[in-house]
């Protein structure tokens, strides 16, 4: 009986370690830093995001790195979408996006290439996003919300 108990005492930590390893291999634990995604994701909120994903789609919330900083943003335009910024307004595929404002002095138009995405914070007034740093590339994305 003692031998069986000893084996379980040795195996249990190994099982826990293995399960934790599998979890961390597939998921990323992130703490929201800032107000850019409020009210959906609050400052200080703990998120569990998937490291394994086949594709990124419109409206996905993603984690990516830009200029050595991690950002959590929502995908608002994908490959082939046309982005137009004019007179402080943002248009995606000729549709005015009412919730987002852009400084009036910015005017540009472009179409997203393969593996390019345009991302915005849900709380656009407190967000640094594609309006500031432009499109992001698929290779920058490390996780997404399921």
Protein backbone atom coordinates (compact mmCIF):
# COMPACT_ATOMS: atom_id res chain seq x y z
CA UNK A 1 0.00 0.00 0.00
CA UNK A 2 2.85 2.40 0.83
CA UNK A 3 4.48 1.78 -2.53
CA UNK A 4 1.27 2.68 -4.42
CA UNK A 5 0.84 5.86 -2.40
CA UNK A 6 4.44 6.86 -3.10
CA UNK A 7 3.94 6.32 -6.84
CA UNK A 8 0.83 8.56 -6.83
CA UNK A 9 2.69 11.24 -4.90
CA UNK A 10 5.39 11.23 -7.56
CA UNK A 11 3.07 11.03 -10.55
CA UNK A 12 0.55 13.71 -9.49
CA UNK A 13 3.02 16.62 -9.76
CA UNK A 14 4.17 15.31 -13.14
CA UNK A 15 0.58 15.18 -14.41
CA UNK A 16 -0.09 18.69 -13.13
CA UNK A 17 3.12 19.96 -14.75
CA UNK A 18 2.25 18.26 -18.05
CA UNK A 19 -1.28 19.70 -18.07
CA UNK A 20 0.05 23.17 -17.24
CA UNK A 21 2.62 22.84 -20.02
CA UNK A 22 -0.11 21.89 -22.52
CA UNK A 23 -2.25 24.81 -21.38
CA UNK A 24 0.58 27.33 -21.76
CA UNK A 25 1.53 25.88 -25.13
CA UNK A 26 -1.97 26.55 -26.49
CA UNK A 27 -3.01 29.66 -24.59
CA UNK A 28 -1.54 33.00 -23.58
CA UNK A 29 -2.53 34.74 -20.37
CA UNK A 30 -2.71 38.52 -20.87
CA UNK A 31 -3.53 41.38 -18.54
CA UNK A 32 -5.26 44.30 -20.26
CA UNK A 33 -3.20 47.46 -19.81
CA UNK A 34 -5.16 50.59 -20.59
CA UNK A 35 -8.63 51.69 -21.61
CA UNK A 36 -8.47 51.22 -25.38
CA UNK A 37 -10.78 48.17 -25.45
CA UNK A 38 -13.35 49.35 -22.88
CA UNK A 39 -16.12 48.56 -22.19
CA UNK A 40 -15.61 45.02 -23.55
CA UNK A 41 -12.23 44.49 -21.87
CA UNK A 42 -11.44 46.59 -18.80
CA UNK A 43 -8.05 47.85 -17.64
CA UNK A 44 -6.44 45.17 -15.45
CA UNK A 45 -8.71 42.37 -16.71
CA UNK A 46 -7.13 38.94 -17.16
CA UNK A 47 -7.66 37.39 -20.61
CA UNK A 48 -6.91 33.90 -21.85
CA UNK A 49 -6.17 34.09 -25.56
CA UNK A 50 -5.53 31.25 -27.99
CA UNK A 51 -2.02 30.88 -29.41
CA UNK A 52 -3.34 28.45 -32.01
CA UNK A 53 -5.45 29.91 -34.79
CA UNK A 54 -5.82 29.15 -38.47
CA UNK A 55 -7.00 32.54 -39.63
CA UNK A 56 -7.87 36.06 -38.58
CA UNK A 57 -11.31 37.37 -39.49
CA UNK A 58 -13.22 40.61 -39.34
CA UNK A 59 -14.16 41.52 -35.75
CA UNK A 60 -11.57 39.20 -34.13
CA UNK A 61 -9.80 40.57 -31.07
CA UNK A 62 -6.09 39.92 -31.42
CA UNK A 63 -2.83 40.34 -29.54
CA UNK A 64 0.11 41.55 -31.59
CA UNK A 65 3.46 43.21 -31.12
CA UNK A 66 4.39 46.49 -32.72
CA UNK A 67 7.58 48.38 -31.89
CA UNK A 68 8.27 46.04 -28.93
CA UNK A 69 4.87 46.78 -27.36
CA UNK A 70 1.97 44.30 -27.14
CA UNK A 71 -1.45 45.58 -28.21
CA UNK A 72 -4.95 44.12 -27.97
CA UNK A 73 -7.19 45.46 -30.76
CA UNK A 74 -10.19 44.54 -32.90
CA UNK A 75 -9.79 43.69 -36.59
CA UNK A 76 -12.00 46.06 -38.59
CA UNK A 77 -10.64 45.39 -42.09
CA UNK A 78 -8.98 42.42 -43.77
CA UNK A 79 -7.22 41.51 -47.02
CA UNK A 80 -8.82 43.21 -50.02
CA UNK A 81 -10.69 45.83 -47.98
CA UNK A 82 -10.33 49.46 -49.05
CA UNK A 83 -9.49 52.02 -46.35
CA UNK A 84 -10.15 55.69 -46.97
CA UNK A 85 -9.42 58.46 -44.49
CA UNK A 86 -10.72 61.89 -45.43
CA UNK A 87 -11.88 65.00 -43.53
CA UNK A 88 -11.62 63.27 -40.15
CA UNK A 89 -13.72 60.32 -41.25
CA UNK A 90 -12.87 56.65 -41.71
CA UNK A 91 -14.43 54.63 -44.53
CA UNK A 92 -13.99 50.90 -44.98
CA UNK A 93 -15.19 49.66 -48.37
CA UNK A 94 -16.98 52.98 -48.92
CA UNK A 95 -18.94 52.56 -45.63
CA UNK A 96 -18.54 55.34 -43.07
CA UNK A 97 -17.38 53.99 -39.72
CA UNK A 98 -19.19 56.35 -37.34
CA UNK A 99 -17.53 55.30 -34.11
CA UNK A 100 -14.02 56.38 -35.05
CA UNK A 101 -12.58 59.81 -35.62
CA UNK A 102 -9.33 60.72 -37.29
CA UNK A 103 -7.48 64.05 -37.20
CA UNK A 104 -8.72 66.27 -40.04
CA UNK A 105 -5.24 66.76 -41.49
CA UNK A 106 -4.89 63.07 -42.44
CA UNK A 107 -6.03 62.03 -45.90
CA UNK A 108 -5.14 58.71 -47.52
CA UNK A 109 -6.60 55.72 -49.31
CA UNK A 110 -5.25 52.20 -49.70
CA UNK A 111 -6.29 48.56 -50.11
CA UNK A 112 -5.10 45.89 -47.69
CA UNK A 113 -2.79 43.28 -49.17
CA UNK A 114 -2.57 39.61 -48.27
CA UNK A 115 -1.90 39.08 -44.53
CA UNK A 116 -2.58 42.75 -43.72
CA UNK A 117 -5.14 43.97 -41.20
CA UNK A 118 -6.49 47.30 -40.01
CA UNK A 119 -7.14 47.28 -36.27
CA UNK A 120 -8.86 49.71 -33.91
CA UNK A 121 -9.52 49.92 -30.21
CA UNK A 122 -13.15 49.65 -29.15
CA UNK A 123 -12.68 52.83 -27.09
CA UNK A 124 -11.31 54.84 -30.00
CA UNK A 125 -10.78 58.04 -28.00
CA UNK A 126 -8.25 56.24 -25.78
CA UNK A 127 -6.60 53.99 -28.33
CA UNK A 128 -3.35 53.83 -30.21
CA UNK A 129 -4.11 51.68 -33.24
CA UNK A 130 -3.90 51.48 -37.03
CA UNK A 131 -4.88 55.13 -37.24
CA UNK A 132 -1.49 55.82 -35.65
CA UNK A 133 0.83 53.04 -36.84
CA UNK A 134 -0.91 51.81 -39.99
CA UNK A 135 -1.71 48.27 -41.04
CA UNK A 136 -0.41 45.26 -39.16
CA UNK A 137 0.90 42.03 -40.63
CA UNK A 138 -0.29 38.51 -39.82
CA UNK A 139 3.22 37.59 -38.65
CA UNK A 140 2.95 40.13 -35.80
CA UNK A 141 -0.08 38.37 -34.28
CA UNK A 142 0.65 36.07 -31.35
CA UNK A 143 -2.85 35.25 -30.04
CA UNK A 144 -6.56 35.87 -30.53
CA UNK A 145 -9.70 35.62 -28.46
CA UNK A 146 -11.82 32.56 -29.16
